[in-house]
């Protein structure tokens, strides 16, 4: 999921997946995504891009509490259950098998 998470987040697809799951709070989705990526011990650093100052503030706030809350886990679980996520995951798997 790490590569999928990076690609989906990078292209903004994660927000469409969240909307498909009924989650409209983009700041929450971004925080969940960043925390999930940072929770992977193989990830040494991340590069955060933003088009508005509040997006940088939101990303920086993630570092105050890196552990995923129950609410954040539920958000990620809901996103993983969407058809868009499953389709993107299969596309990534096929790409790496080729």
Protein backbone atom coordinates (compact mmCIF):
# COMPACT_ATOMS: atom_id res chain seq x y z
CA UNK A 1 0.00 0.00 0.00
CA UNK A 2 2.96 2.36 0.45
CA UNK A 3 3.49 2.91 -3.27
CA UNK A 4 -0.24 3.14 -3.85
CA UNK A 5 -0.57 5.59 -0.98
CA UNK A 6 2.16 7.78 -2.40
CA UNK A 7 0.78 7.74 -5.93
CA UNK A 8 -2.83 8.25 -4.87
CA UNK A 9 -1.92 11.06 -2.49
CA UNK A 10 0.40 12.65 -5.01
CA UNK A 11 -2.24 12.77 -7.72
CA UNK A 12 -5.08 13.80 -5.41
CA UNK A 13 -6.84 10.50 -6.02
CA UNK A 14 -6.94 9.81 -2.29
CA UNK A 15 -9.45 12.64 -1.90
CA UNK A 16 -11.72 11.17 -4.58
CA UNK A 17 -11.48 7.78 -2.87
CA UNK A 18 -12.39 9.38 0.45
CA UNK A 19 -15.36 11.15 -1.11
CA UNK A 20 -16.47 7.81 -2.53
CA UNK A 21 -16.36 6.51 1.07
CA UNK A 22 -18.47 9.46 2.23
CA UNK A 23 -15.58 11.39 3.81
CA UNK A 24 -15.51 15.03 2.74
CA UNK A 25 -12.95 16.42 5.22
CA UNK A 26 -9.83 16.73 3.05
CA UNK A 27 -7.66 17.92 5.94
CA UNK A 28 -8.54 14.76 7.88
CA UNK A 29 -7.80 12.58 4.86
CA UNK A 30 -4.45 14.31 4.33
CA UNK A 31 -3.51 13.86 8.01
CA UNK A 32 -4.48 10.18 7.92
CA UNK A 33 -2.47 9.64 4.76
CA UNK A 34 0.61 11.38 6.09
CA UNK A 35 0.44 9.54 9.41
CA UNK A 36 0.04 6.23 7.63
CA UNK A 37 3.03 6.91 5.40
CA UNK A 38 5.15 8.03 8.36
CA UNK A 39 4.16 4.95 10.37
CA UNK A 40 6.01 2.75 7.89
CA UNK A 41 9.48 2.12 9.34
CA UNK A 42 10.94 1.86 5.83
CA UNK A 43 10.02 5.48 5.10
CA UNK A 44 12.81 7.82 6.17
CA UNK A 45 11.28 11.08 5.03
CA UNK A 46 8.44 12.59 3.05
CA UNK A 47 8.13 15.60 0.79
CA UNK A 48 4.96 17.58 1.33
CA UNK A 49 3.58 19.85 -1.33
CA UNK A 50 0.91 22.44 -0.76
CA UNK A 51 -0.98 25.12 -2.62
CA UNK A 52 -2.11 26.98 0.51
CA UNK A 53 -0.55 27.80 3.90
CA UNK A 54 -3.19 25.84 5.84
CA UNK A 55 -2.12 22.69 4.01
CA UNK A 56 1.44 23.10 5.31
CA UNK A 57 0.11 23.77 8.82
CA UNK A 58 -2.00 20.61 8.64
CA UNK A 59 1.01 18.58 7.50
CA UNK A 60 3.18 19.98 10.30
CA UNK A 61 0.49 19.22 12.88
CA UNK A 62 0.86 15.54 12.00
CA UNK A 63 4.28 15.48 13.64
CA UNK A 64 2.77 16.40 17.03
CA UNK A 65 1.09 12.99 17.30
CA UNK A 66 2.24 10.36 14.82
CA UNK A 67 0.13 7.48 16.13
CA UNK A 68 -3.10 6.92 14.23
CA UNK A 69 -6.24 7.50 16.29
CA UNK A 70 -9.21 5.14 16.08
CA UNK A 71 -11.04 7.73 13.97
CA UNK A 72 -8.10 7.96 11.56
CA UNK A 73 -7.89 4.17 11.29
CA UNK A 74 -11.60 4.11 10.42
CA UNK A 75 -11.02 6.70 7.69
CA UNK A 76 -8.23 4.62 6.16
CA UNK A 77 -10.31 1.44 6.43
CA UNK A 78 -13.24 3.16 4.70
CA UNK A 79 -10.98 4.35 1.88
CA UNK A 80 -9.54 0.84 1.44
CA UNK A 81 -13.07 -0.49 0.94
CA UNK A 82 -13.88 1.77 -2.01
CA UNK A 83 -13.98 0.45 -5.53
CA UNK A 84 -11.54 3.16 -6.61
CA UNK A 85 -8.95 2.07 -4.06
CA UNK A 86 -9.31 -1.60 -4.93
CA UNK A 87 -8.99 -0.82 -8.63
CA UNK A 88 -5.89 1.33 -8.07
CA UNK A 89 -4.33 -1.34 -5.85
CA UNK A 90 -4.84 -4.00 -8.53
CA UNK A 91 -3.38 -1.70 -11.16
CA UNK A 92 -0.27 -1.17 -9.01
CA UNK A 93 0.08 -4.90 -8.34
CA UNK A 94 -0.12 -5.65 -12.06
CA UNK A 95 2.43 -2.95 -12.78
CA UNK A 96 4.93 -4.44 -10.35
CA UNK A 97 4.39 -7.98 -11.66
CA UNK A 98 5.19 -6.91 -15.23
